[in-house]
PDB file of N, CA and C in Angstrom:
ATOM      1  N   MET A   1     103.189  81.817  95.060  1.00  0.00           N
ATOM      2  CA  MET A   1     102.786  83.140  95.515  1.00  0.00           C
ATOM      3  C   MET A   1     102.461  83.871  94.106  1.00  0.00           C
ATOM      4  N   SER A   2     101.444  84.808  94.161  1.00  0.00           N
ATOM      5  CA  SER A   2     101.190  85.312  92.982  1.00  0.00           C
ATOM      6  C   SER A   2     102.211  86.557  93.047  1.00  0.00           C
ATOM      7  N   LEU A   3     101.865  87.260  91.882  1.00  0.00           N
ATOM      8  CA  LEU A   3     102.922  88.440  91.576  1.00  0.00           C
ATOM      9  C   LEU A   3     102.497  89.464  92.637  1.00  0.00           C
ATOM     10  N   GLU A   4     101.193  89.812  92.725  1.00  0.00           N
ATOM     11  CA  GLU A   4     100.416  90.757  93.377  1.00  0.00           C
ATOM     12  C   GLU A   4     100.957  90.758  94.793  1.00  0.00           C
ATOM     13  N   ILE A   5     100.741  89.425  95.310  1.00  0.00           N
ATOM     14  CA  ILE A   5     101.143  89.199  96.922  1.00  0.00           C
ATOM     15  C   ILE A   5     102.711  89.485  96.992  1.00  0.00           C
ATOM     16  N   GLN A   6     103.534  89.119  96.126  1.00  0.00           N
ATOM     17  CA  GLN A   6     105.079  89.214  96.014  1.00  0.00           C
ATOM     18  C   GLN A   6     105.216  90.688  96.058  1.00  0.00           C
ATOM     19  N   ILE A   7     104.872  91.531  95.563  1.00  0.00           N
ATOM     20  CA  ILE A   7     104.943  92.890  95.131  1.00  0.00           C
ATOM     21  C   ILE A   7     104.629  93.530  96.769  1.00  0.00           C
ATOM     22  N   LYS A   8     103.225  93.228  97.155  1.00  0.00           N
ATOM     23  CA  LYS A   8     102.851  93.930  98.561  1.00  0.00           C
ATOM     24  C   LYS A   8     103.807  93.439  99.579  1.00  0.00           C
ATOM     25  N   THR A   9     104.357  92.133  99.461  1.00  0.00           N
ATOM     26  CA  THR A   9     105.366  91.748 100.568  1.00  0.00           C
ATOM     27  C   THR A   9     106.575  92.550 100.348  1.00  0.00           C
ATOM     28  N   ILE A  10     106.969  93.026  99.146  1.00  0.00           N
ATOM     29  CA  ILE A  10     108.008  94.027  99.184  1.00  0.00           C
ATOM     30  C   ILE A  10     107.769  95.328  99.683  1.00  0.00           C
ATOM     31  N   LEU A  11     106.646  95.748  99.350  1.00  0.00           N
ATOM     32  CA  LEU A  11     106.340  97.283  99.681  1.00  0.00           C
ATOM     33  C   LEU A  11     106.072  97.192 101.187  1.00  0.00           C
ATOM     34  N   ASN A  12     105.513  96.047 101.643  1.00  0.00           N
ATOM     35  CA  ASN A  12     105.476  96.077 103.279  1.00  0.00           C
ATOM     36  C   ASN A  12     106.834  95.815 104.052  1.00  0.00           C
ATOM     37  N   ASP A  13     107.716  95.050 103.425  1.00  0.00           N
ATOM     38  CA  ASP A  13     109.133  94.967 104.466  1.00  0.00           C
ATOM     39  C   ASP A  13     110.209  95.013 103.085  1.00  0.00           C
ATOM     40  N   PHE A  14     110.382  96.185 102.610  1.00  0.00           N
ATOM     41  CA  PHE A  14     111.524  96.468 101.814  1.00  0.00           C
ATOM     42  C   PHE A  14     112.845  95.963 102.192  1.00  0.00           C
ATOM     43  N   GLU A  15     113.035  96.280 103.360  1.00  0.00           N
ATOM     44  CA  GLU A  15     114.368  95.915 104.149  1.00  0.00           C
ATOM     45  C   GLU A  15     114.527  94.653 104.181  1.00  0.00           C
ATOM     46  N   GLY A  16     113.585  93.730 104.302  1.00  0.00           N
ATOM     47  CA  GLY A  16     113.655  92.367 104.521  1.00  0.00           C
ATOM     48  C   GLY A  16     113.784  91.571 103.381  1.00  0.00           C
ATOM     49  N   ILE A  17     114.016  91.863 102.112  1.00  0.00           N
ATOM     50  CA  ILE A  17     113.773  91.821 100.804  1.00  0.00           C
ATOM     51  C   ILE A  17     115.379  91.771 100.314  1.00  0.00           C
ATOM     52  N   HIS A  18     115.778  90.632  99.834  1.00  0.00           N
ATOM     53  CA  HIS A  18     117.365  90.767  98.870  1.00  0.00           C
ATOM     54  C   HIS A  18     116.999  91.581  97.427  1.00  0.00           C
ATOM     55  N   SER A  19     118.102  92.170  97.281  1.00  0.00           N
ATOM     56  CA  SER A  19     118.050  92.964  96.044  1.00  0.00           C
ATOM     57  C   SER A  19     117.677  92.095  94.895  1.00  0.00           C
ATOM     58  N   ASP A  20     118.320  90.905  94.692  1.00  0.00           N
ATOM     59  CA  ASP A  20     118.015  90.131  93.586  1.00  0.00           C
ATOM     60  C   ASP A  20     116.565  89.557  93.617  1.00  0.00           C
ATOM     61  N   ASP A  21     115.756  89.277  94.610  1.00  0.00           N
ATOM     62  CA  ASP A  21     114.341  89.394  94.778  1.00  0.00           C
ATOM     63  C   ASP A  21     113.810  90.288  94.199  1.00  0.00           C
ATOM     64  N   PHE A  22     113.842  91.709  94.542  1.00  0.00           N
ATOM     65  CA  PHE A  22     113.313  92.502  94.060  1.00  0.00           C
ATOM     66  C   PHE A  22     113.585  93.020  92.660  1.00  0.00           C
ATOM     67  N   LEU A  23     114.576  93.016  92.096  1.00  0.00           N
ATOM     68  CA  LEU A  23     115.041  93.086  90.543  1.00  0.00           C
ATOM     69  C   LEU A  23     114.253  92.112  89.904  1.00  0.00           C
ATOM     70  N   ARG A  24     114.235  90.637  90.246  1.00  0.00           N
ATOM     71  CA  ARG A  24     113.510  89.642  89.726  1.00  0.00           C
ATOM     72  C   ARG A  24     111.859  90.152  89.507  1.00  0.00           C
ATOM     73  N   ILE A  25     111.396  90.514  90.279  1.00  0.00           N
ATOM     74  CA  ILE A  25     109.933  91.015  90.342  1.00  0.00           C
ATOM     75  C   ILE A  25     109.830  92.092  89.568  1.00  0.00           C
ATOM     76  N   LEU A  26     110.710  93.030  89.687  1.00  0.00           N
ATOM     77  CA  LEU A  26     110.604  94.341  88.891  1.00  0.00           C
ATOM     78  C   LEU A  26     110.587  94.008  87.235  1.00  0.00           C
ATOM     79  N   GLY A  27     111.458  93.032  86.822  1.00  0.00           N
ATOM     80  CA  GLY A  27     111.779  92.338  85.571  1.00  0.00           C
ATOM     81  C   GLY A  27     110.365  91.784  85.209  1.00  0.00           C
ATOM     82  N   GLU A  28     109.607  91.169  85.862  1.00  0.00           N
ATOM     83  CA  GLU A  28     108.417  90.527  85.755  1.00  0.00           C
ATOM     84  C   GLU A  28     107.223  91.323  85.126  1.00  0.00           C
ATOM     85  N   ILE A  29     107.192  92.533  86.179  1.00  0.00           N
ATOM     86  CA  ILE A  29     106.360  93.525  85.966  1.00  0.00           C
ATOM     87  C   ILE A  29     106.553  94.509  84.785  1.00  0.00           C
ATOM     88  N   MET A  30     107.906  94.587  84.445  1.00  0.00           N
ATOM     89  CA  MET A  30     108.251  95.543  83.422  1.00  0.00           C
ATOM     90  C   MET A  30     107.673  95.305  82.274  1.00  0.00           C
ATOM     91  N   ARG A  31     107.442  93.851  82.080  1.00  0.00           N
ATOM     92  CA  ARG A  31     106.938  93.530  80.684  1.00  0.00           C
ATOM     93  C   ARG A  31     105.644  93.872  80.308  1.00  0.00           C
ATOM     94  N   GLU A  32     105.208  94.235  81.101  1.00  0.00           N
ATOM     95  CA  GLU A  32     103.571  94.655  81.096  1.00  0.00           C
ATOM     96  C   GLU A  32     103.618  96.087  81.143  1.00  0.00           C
ATOM     97  N   PHE A  33     104.409  96.692  80.903  1.00  0.00           N
ATOM     98  CA  PHE A  33     104.268  98.129  80.776  1.00  0.00           C
ATOM     99  C   PHE A  33     104.184  98.458  79.127  1.00  0.00           C
ATOM    100  N   LYS A  34     103.357  99.588  78.796  1.00  0.00           N
ATOM    101  CA  LYS A  34     103.153  99.672  77.393  1.00  0.00           C
ATOM    102  C   LYS A  34     104.034 100.391  76.904  1.00  0.00           C
ATOM    103  N   SER A  35     104.703 101.266  77.785  1.00  0.00           N
ATOM    104  CA  SER A  35     106.033 102.306  77.095  1.00  0.00           C
ATOM    105  C   SER A  35     107.379 101.715  76.796  1.00  0.00           C
ATOM    106  N   ASN A  36     107.607 101.877  75.645  1.00  0.00           N
ATOM    107  CA  ASN A  36     109.120 101.223  75.177  1.00  0.00           C
ATOM    108  C   ASN A  36     110.181 101.951  76.213  1.00  0.00           C
ATOM    109  N   VAL A  37     109.915 103.289  76.309  1.00  0.00           N
ATOM    110  CA  VAL A  37     110.987 104.199  77.050  1.00  0.00           C
ATOM    111  C   VAL A  37     111.055 103.676  78.540  1.00  0.00           C
ATOM    112  N   THR A  38     109.696 103.598  79.163  1.00  0.00           N
ATOM    113  CA  THR A  38     109.918 102.709  80.349  1.00  0.00           C
ATOM    114  C   THR A  38     110.735 101.707  80.678  1.00  0.00           C
ATOM    115  N   ILE A  39     110.183 100.716  79.812  1.00  0.00           N
ATOM    116  CA  ILE A  39     110.999  99.518  79.336  1.00  0.00           C
ATOM    117  C   ILE A  39     112.679  99.561  79.117  1.00  0.00           C
ATOM    118  N   GLU A  40     113.004 100.459  78.412  1.00  0.00           N
ATOM    119  CA  GLU A  40     114.317 100.602  78.115  1.00  0.00           C
ATOM    120  C   GLU A  40     115.252 101.094  79.161  1.00  0.00           C
ATOM    121  N   TYR A  41     114.348 102.209  80.104  1.00  0.00           N
ATOM    122  CA  TYR A  41     115.098 102.681  81.234  1.00  0.00           C
ATOM    123  C   TYR A  41     115.033 101.695  82.377  1.00  0.00           C
ATOM    124  N   LEU A  42     113.984 100.882  82.579  1.00  0.00           N
ATOM    125  CA  LEU A  42     114.149  99.875  83.465  1.00  0.00           C
ATOM    126  C   LEU A  42     115.388  98.921  83.387  1.00  0.00           C
ATOM    127  N   THR A  43     115.342  98.413  82.215  1.00  0.00           N
ATOM    128  CA  THR A  43     116.418  97.425  81.598  1.00  0.00           C
ATOM    129  C   THR A  43     117.541  97.911  81.938  1.00  0.00           C
ATOM    130  N   GLY A  44     117.871  99.267  81.693  1.00  0.00           N
ATOM    131  CA  GLY A  44     119.370  99.552  82.203  1.00  0.00           C
ATOM    132  C   GLY A  44     119.446  99.856  83.375  1.00  0.00           C
ATOM    133  N   LYS A  45     118.699 100.237  84.274  1.00  0.00           N
ATOM    134  CA  LYS A  45     118.713 100.372  85.697  1.00  0.00           C
ATOM    135  C   LYS A  45     118.964  98.968  86.308  1.00  0.00           C
ATOM    136  N   ILE A  46     117.926  97.988  85.762  1.00  0.00           N
ATOM    137  CA  ILE A  46     118.242  96.720  86.099  1.00  0.00           C
ATOM    138  C   ILE A  46     119.769  96.168  86.115  1.00  0.00           C
ATOM    139  N   LYS A  47     120.112  96.470  84.825  1.00  0.00           N
ATOM    140  CA  LYS A  47     121.631  95.978  84.547  1.00  0.00           C
ATOM    141  C   LYS A  47     122.759  96.693  85.229  1.00  0.00           C
ATOM    142  N   LYS A  48     122.430  97.871  85.542  1.00  0.00           N
ATOM    143  CA  LYS A  48     123.637  98.793  86.220  1.00  0.00           C
ATOM    144  C   LYS A  48     123.310  98.085  87.776  1.00  0.00           C
ATOM    145  N   ILE A  49     122.302  98.005  88.392  1.00  0.00           N
ATOM    146  CA  ILE A  49     122.252  97.494  89.755  1.00  0.00           C
ATOM    147  C   ILE A  49     122.738  96.014  89.773  1.00  0.00           C
ATOM    148  N   ASN A  50     122.594  95.229  88.737  1.00  0.00           N
ATOM    149  CA  ASN A  50     123.169  93.826  88.767  1.00  0.00           C
ATOM    150  C   ASN A  50     124.664  94.172  88.875  1.00  0.00           C
ATOM    151  N   ASP A  51     125.274  95.016  88.019  1.00  0.00           N
ATOM    152  CA  ASP A  51     126.784  95.180  88.134  1.00  0.00           C
ATOM    153  C   ASP A  51     127.180  95.530  89.279  1.00  0.00           C
ATOM    154  N   LEU A  52     126.575  96.174  90.109  1.00  0.00           N
ATOM    155  CA  LEU A  52     127.113  96.487  91.649  1.00  0.00           C
ATOM    156  C   LEU A  52     127.588  95.428  92.576  1.00  0.00           C
ATOM    157  N   THR A  53     128.305  95.574  93.189  1.00  0.00           N
ATOM    158  CA  THR A  53     128.877  94.239  94.291  1.00  0.00           C
ATOM    159  C   THR A  53     128.303  94.538  95.426  1.00  0.00           C
ATOM    160  N   ASP A  54     128.258  95.708  95.791  1.00  0.00           N
ATOM    161  CA  ASP A  54     127.798  95.999  97.218  1.00  0.00           C
ATOM    162  C   ASP A  54     126.214  95.747  97.479  1.00  0.00           C
ATOM    163  N   GLU A  55     125.862  95.040  98.195  1.00  0.00           N
ATOM    164  CA  GLU A  55     124.351  94.712  98.581  1.00  0.00           C
ATOM    165  C   GLU A  55     123.642  96.079  99.025  1.00  0.00           C
ATOM    166  N   ILE A  56     124.213  96.771  99.905  1.00  0.00           N
ATOM    167  CA  ILE A  56     123.578  98.025 100.711  1.00  0.00           C
ATOM    168  C   ILE A  56     123.608  99.064  99.247  1.00  0.00           C
ATOM    169  N   GLU A  57     124.484  99.203  98.256  1.00  0.00           N
ATOM    170  CA  GLU A  57     124.318 100.006  97.158  1.00  0.00           C
ATOM    171  C   GLU A  57     123.188  99.703  96.512  1.00  0.00           C
ATOM    172  N   LYS A  58     123.256  98.292  96.307  1.00  0.00           N
ATOM    173  CA  LYS A  58     122.007  97.719  95.573  1.00  0.00           C
ATOM    174  C   LYS A  58     120.513  97.952  96.069  1.00  0.00           C
ATOM    175  N   LYS A  59     120.462  97.987  97.378  1.00  0.00           N
ATOM    176  CA  LYS A  59     119.225  98.157  97.892  1.00  0.00           C
ATOM    177  C   LYS A  59     119.007  99.723  97.867  1.00  0.00           C
ATOM    178  N   LYS A  60     119.731 100.578  97.936  1.00  0.00           N
ATOM    179  CA  LYS A  60     119.696 101.931  97.686  1.00  0.00           C
ATOM    180  C   LYS A  60     119.042 102.541  96.373  1.00  0.00           C
ATOM    181  N   GLN A  61     119.356 101.742  95.219  1.00  0.00           N
ATOM    182  CA  GLN A  61     119.197 101.996  94.163  1.00  0.00           C
ATOM    183  C   GLN A  61     117.870 101.167  93.520  1.00  0.00           C
ATOM    184  N   CYS A  62     117.636 100.106  94.346  1.00  0.00           N
ATOM    185  CA  CYS A  62     116.258  99.457  94.094  1.00  0.00           C
ATOM    186  C   CYS A  62     115.317 100.281  95.012  1.00  0.00           C
ATOM    187  N   LYS A  63     115.895 100.908  95.912  1.00  0.00           N
ATOM    188  CA  LYS A  63     114.500 101.768  96.696  1.00  0.00           C
ATOM    189  C   LYS A  63     114.056 102.933  95.936  1.00  0.00           C
ATOM    190  N   LEU A  64     114.766 103.371  94.952  1.00  0.00           N
ATOM    191  CA  LEU A  64     114.681 104.649  94.077  1.00  0.00           C
ATOM    192  C   LEU A  64     113.583 103.853  92.922  1.00  0.00           C
ATOM    193  N   LEU A  65     113.451 102.617  92.660  1.00  0.00           N
ATOM    194  CA  LEU A  65     112.467 102.120  91.827  1.00  0.00           C
ATOM    195  C   LEU A  65     110.959 101.565  92.400  1.00  0.00           C
ATOM    196  N   LEU A  66     111.034 101.802  93.694  1.00  0.00           N
ATOM    197  CA  LEU A  66     109.833 101.256  94.498  1.00  0.00           C
ATOM    198  C   LEU A  66     108.509 101.821  93.883  1.00  0.00           C
ATOM    199  N   PRO A  67     108.506 103.069  93.340  1.00  0.00           N
ATOM    200  CA  PRO A  67     107.297 103.642  92.834  1.00  0.00           C
ATOM    201  C   PRO A  67     106.795 102.852  91.335  1.00  0.00           C
ATOM    202  N   TYR A  68     107.535 102.028  90.828  1.00  0.00           N
ATOM    203  CA  TYR A  68     107.075 101.134  89.859  1.00  0.00           C
ATOM    204  C   TYR A  68     106.300 100.021  90.237  1.00  0.00           C
ATOM    205  N   LEU A  69     106.669  99.407  91.399  1.00  0.00           N
ATOM    206  CA  LEU A  69     105.747  98.233  91.895  1.00  0.00           C
ATOM    207  C   LEU A  69     104.477  99.025  92.377  1.00  0.00           C
ATOM    208  N   ASP A  70     104.419 100.318  93.223  1.00  0.00           N
ATOM    209  CA  ASP A  70     103.207 100.687  93.064  1.00  0.00           C
ATOM    210  C   ASP A  70     102.107 101.297  92.067  1.00  0.00           C
ATOM    211  N   TRP A  71     102.770 101.577  91.038  1.00  0.00           N
ATOM    212  CA  TRP A  71     102.219 102.047  89.821  1.00  0.00           C
ATOM    213  C   TRP A  71     101.701 100.763  89.086  1.00  0.00           C
ATOM    214  N   TYR A  72     102.324  99.564  89.215  1.00  0.00           N
ATOM    215  CA  TYR A  72     101.900  98.367  88.814  1.00  0.00           C
ATOM    216  C   TYR A  72     100.505  97.832  89.746  1.00  0.00           C
ATOM    217  N   LEU A  73     100.728  98.105  90.730  1.00  0.00           N
ATOM    218  CA  LEU A  73      99.517  97.567  91.650  1.00  0.00           C
ATOM    219  C   LEU A  73      98.278  98.500  91.312  1.00  0.00           C
ATOM    220  N   GLN A  74      98.478  99.838  91.138  1.00  0.00           N
ATOM    221  CA  GLN A  74      97.189 100.599  90.673  1.00  0.00           C
ATOM    222  C   GLN A  74      96.586 100.324  89.639  1.00  0.00           C
ATOM    223  N   GLY A  75      97.067  99.651  88.578  1.00  0.00           N
ATOM    224  CA  GLY A  75      96.785  99.119  87.362  1.00  0.00           C
ATOM    225  C   GLY A  75      95.814  97.747  87.422  1.00  0.00           C
ATOM    226  N   LEU A  76      96.025  97.197  88.607  1.00  0.00           N
ATOM    227  CA  LEU A  76      95.046  96.114  88.884  1.00  0.00           C
ATOM    228  C   LEU A  76      93.864  96.055  88.956  1.00  0.00           C
TER     229      LEU A  76
END
C-alpha cells in the first residue's frame, strides 16, 4: 500500500488506527520535511508518545499531529 493511501486511510478512519501505525507513518513522512526544526520537533513528540503506556492517551497525542499528514498530502 502506498504511503499516500496509508495517510488517507488514517485521515478517514483515525479512530480505527493503532497509535503505533500512526507514528510509523508520521516517521516516514517526517524524513521528507525540509525544516530541521520541524523534524526535531516531531522526533521529540514521537519519542514522548512512544514512552506513554496508555493507548487512549497515545491516541490523544497523535490526534494533535494529524495536521502534519494533511500538510504532507498537500505537497503531493
